[in-house]
């Protein structure tokens, strides 16, 4: 059986599009590989942007994918929404909820609410987030381990030398 999670295949899948938002990054690769190990039937992405992660999850056979974002949406199973939209989803509506490089753009009070809602919605929540301090007024450093998450991996992303952490938490059941 062919392994669809090969990094070169991921690069080919995303790299065919010139838009930066569709280029695979090390943290996306790490996140998608971890989600694959969970063998989910239903996956939700908070901050799905143009749907690159959702598209790839469909490519490897996960047919029940959906997400929300505040930007223009290209994925047919994504809708416009922000953190307040999460309250409209049912408890336990997905096996996995995840977000990647989104929470560092939001203040702690908002992040607490988002994480509470994602844990309510999903059996497992996975975060891929920047872990080093940045000199940017629109960037917030968060301690995900103090919020009940376990760090399960990380990577250095070049050329910008951002360090990322991968975190997981079981939902509040």
Protein backbone atom coordinates (compact mmCIF):
# COMPACT_ATOMS: atom_id res chain seq x y z
CA UNK A 1 0.00 0.00 0.00
CA UNK A 2 1.31 3.42 -0.96
CA UNK A 3 1.94 5.92 1.83
CA UNK A 4 0.11 9.12 0.85
CA UNK A 5 1.84 11.04 3.64
CA UNK A 6 5.25 11.19 1.99
CA UNK A 7 6.67 14.73 2.31
CA UNK A 8 7.56 14.92 -1.38
CA UNK A 9 3.98 14.03 -2.31
CA UNK A 10 2.70 16.67 0.08
CA UNK A 11 4.98 19.24 -1.54
CA UNK A 12 3.79 18.19 -5.00
CA UNK A 13 0.16 18.40 -3.89
CA UNK A 14 0.45 21.89 -2.42
CA UNK A 15 3.34 23.17 -4.49
CA UNK A 16 1.38 22.99 -7.74
CA UNK A 17 -0.30 26.23 -6.76
CA UNK A 18 1.66 29.48 -6.70
CA UNK A 19 -0.21 30.90 -3.71
CA UNK A 20 1.83 30.82 -0.49
CA UNK A 21 -1.25 29.69 1.40
CA UNK A 22 -1.25 26.45 -0.56
CA UNK A 23 2.40 25.55 -0.06
CA UNK A 24 3.06 22.72 2.39
CA UNK A 25 5.14 23.70 5.39
CA UNK A 26 6.91 21.50 7.94
CA UNK A 27 4.28 22.22 10.59
CA UNK A 28 1.44 21.31 8.19
CA UNK A 29 3.23 18.07 7.36
CA UNK A 30 3.75 17.24 11.05
CA UNK A 31 0.16 18.11 11.89
CA UNK A 32 -1.34 16.09 9.03
CA UNK A 33 0.82 13.07 9.81
CA UNK A 34 -0.33 13.14 13.42
CA UNK A 35 -4.01 13.51 12.47
CA UNK A 36 -3.60 10.52 10.16
CA UNK A 37 -2.46 8.35 13.10
CA UNK A 38 -5.71 9.14 14.90
CA UNK A 39 -7.73 7.52 12.08
CA UNK A 40 -10.59 10.03 12.31
CA UNK A 41 -13.85 9.86 10.39
CA UNK A 42 -14.72 13.54 10.89
CA UNK A 43 -12.26 16.44 11.03
CA UNK A 44 -12.89 20.15 11.68
CA UNK A 45 -10.36 22.95 11.09
CA UNK A 46 -10.59 26.32 12.83
CA UNK A 47 -8.94 28.88 10.55
CA UNK A 48 -8.92 26.75 7.40
CA UNK A 49 -7.97 29.65 5.10
CA UNK A 50 -8.29 28.35 1.54
CA UNK A 51 -8.68 24.74 2.68
CA UNK A 52 -5.26 23.23 1.88
CA UNK A 53 -5.34 20.91 4.90
CA UNK A 54 -8.97 19.94 4.27
CA UNK A 55 -8.21 19.18 0.62
CA UNK A 56 -5.31 16.96 1.57
CA UNK A 57 -7.29 15.12 4.26
CA UNK A 58 -9.88 14.34 1.59
CA UNK A 59 -7.14 13.13 -0.75
CA UNK A 60 -6.11 10.47 1.77
CA UNK A 61 -9.69 9.29 2.30
CA UNK A 62 -11.22 11.34 5.11
CA UNK A 63 -14.47 12.41 3.49
CA UNK A 64 -16.09 14.22 6.42
CA UNK A 65 -14.00 17.39 6.63
CA UNK A 66 -15.16 20.92 7.26
CA UNK A 67 -13.85 24.19 8.59
CA UNK A 68 -14.35 27.90 9.16
CA UNK A 69 -12.28 30.98 8.40
CA UNK A 70 -12.62 34.75 8.24
CA UNK A 71 -10.94 34.94 4.82
CA UNK A 72 -12.14 34.12 1.31
CA UNK A 73 -12.98 30.45 1.17
CA UNK A 74 -12.25 28.04 -1.63
CA UNK A 75 -13.02 24.70 -0.05
CA UNK A 76 -16.64 23.59 -0.64
CA UNK A 77 -17.02 22.30 2.92
CA UNK A 78 -15.79 25.47 4.59
CA UNK A 79 -17.86 28.43 5.68
CA UNK A 80 -17.20 31.93 6.90
CA UNK A 81 -16.88 32.10 10.65
CA UNK A 82 -14.90 33.34 13.61
CA UNK A 83 -14.55 32.20 17.23
CA UNK A 84 -18.19 33.04 18.00
CA UNK A 85 -19.29 30.61 15.28
CA UNK A 86 -17.84 27.67 17.26
CA UNK A 87 -20.74 27.90 19.73
CA UNK A 88 -23.15 26.89 16.94
CA UNK A 89 -21.56 23.43 16.54
CA UNK A 90 -22.90 20.44 18.46
CA UNK A 91 -21.00 18.68 21.24
CA UNK A 92 -18.91 15.78 19.92
CA UNK A 93 -19.54 16.78 16.31
CA UNK A 94 -16.11 15.60 15.12
CA UNK A 95 -13.38 13.15 15.98
CA UNK A 96 -10.58 15.70 15.56
CA UNK A 97 -10.59 19.50 15.64
CA UNK A 98 -7.40 21.31 14.76
CA UNK A 99 -5.88 24.67 14.01
CA UNK A 100 -2.51 25.64 12.61
CA UNK A 101 -0.75 29.00 12.99
CA UNK A 102 -3.95 30.77 14.03
CA UNK A 103 -4.01 31.12 17.82
CA UNK A 104 -0.81 33.17 18.01
CA UNK A 105 -2.70 35.98 16.30
CA UNK A 106 -5.29 36.15 19.09
CA UNK A 107 -5.16 37.36 22.72
CA UNK A 108 -5.33 34.86 25.58
CA UNK A 109 -8.96 35.54 26.54
CA UNK A 110 -10.11 34.69 23.00
CA UNK A 111 -7.80 31.65 22.82
CA UNK A 112 -9.23 30.26 26.08
CA UNK A 113 -12.74 30.46 24.61
CA UNK A 114 -11.66 28.85 21.33
CA UNK A 115 -9.91 25.96 23.07
CA UNK A 116 -12.91 25.38 25.33
CA UNK A 117 -15.20 25.18 22.30
CA UNK A 118 -12.86 22.92 20.28
CA UNK A 119 -12.56 20.53 23.25
CA UNK A 120 -16.35 20.46 23.52
CA UNK A 121 -16.71 19.72 19.83
CA UNK A 122 -14.05 17.03 19.40
CA UNK A 123 -12.64 13.87 20.92
CA UNK A 124 -9.13 15.17 20.22
CA UNK A 125 -7.86 18.70 19.61
CA UNK A 126 -4.55 19.24 17.80
CA UNK A 127 -2.67 22.56 17.65
CA UNK A 128 0.28 23.50 15.47
CA UNK A 129 1.50 26.86 16.72
CA UNK A 130 4.55 29.14 16.82
CA UNK A 131 6.42 28.64 20.09
CA UNK A 132 9.08 31.36 20.12
CA UNK A 133 8.74 35.03 20.98
CA UNK A 134 8.27 37.36 18.03
CA UNK A 135 8.61 41.13 17.95
CA UNK A 136 5.22 41.83 16.45
CA UNK A 137 2.28 43.69 18.07
CA UNK A 138 -0.20 41.31 16.38
CA UNK A 139 1.43 38.18 17.79
CA UNK A 140 0.69 36.59 21.16
CA UNK A 141 2.78 33.89 22.82
CA UNK A 142 0.69 31.26 24.63
CA UNK A 143 1.62 28.44 27.00
CA UNK A 144 -0.50 25.60 25.62
CA UNK A 145 0.79 23.10 28.18
CA UNK A 146 -0.64 25.23 31.01
CA UNK A 147 -3.97 25.07 29.14
CA UNK A 148 -4.12 21.27 29.39
CA UNK A 149 -2.31 20.37 26.15
CA UNK A 150 0.61 17.99 25.79
CA UNK A 151 3.48 18.84 23.46
CA UNK A 152 4.00 15.92 21.08
CA UNK A 153 6.44 17.35 18.57
CA UNK A 154 7.85 20.39 16.92
CA UNK A 155 9.91 21.70 14.06
CA UNK A 156 11.98 24.58 12.78
CA UNK A 157 10.57 26.18 9.68
CA UNK A 158 12.95 27.89 7.29
CA UNK A 159 13.59 30.39 5.74
CA UNK A 160 12.04 32.45 8.55
CA UNK A 161 13.43 30.25 11.37
CA UNK A 162 10.11 30.10 13.22
CA UNK A 163 9.89 27.31 15.77
CA UNK A 164 6.59 25.45 15.93
CA UNK A 165 5.13 23.08 18.47
CA UNK A 166 2.54 20.38 17.95
CA UNK A 167 0.15 19.92 20.88
CA UNK A 168 -2.78 17.64 21.60
CA UNK A 169 -5.55 17.36 24.16
CA UNK A 170 -8.44 15.01 24.63
CA UNK A 171 -11.80 16.80 24.54
CA UNK A 172 -13.74 17.66 27.68
CA UNK A 173 -15.98 14.62 27.94
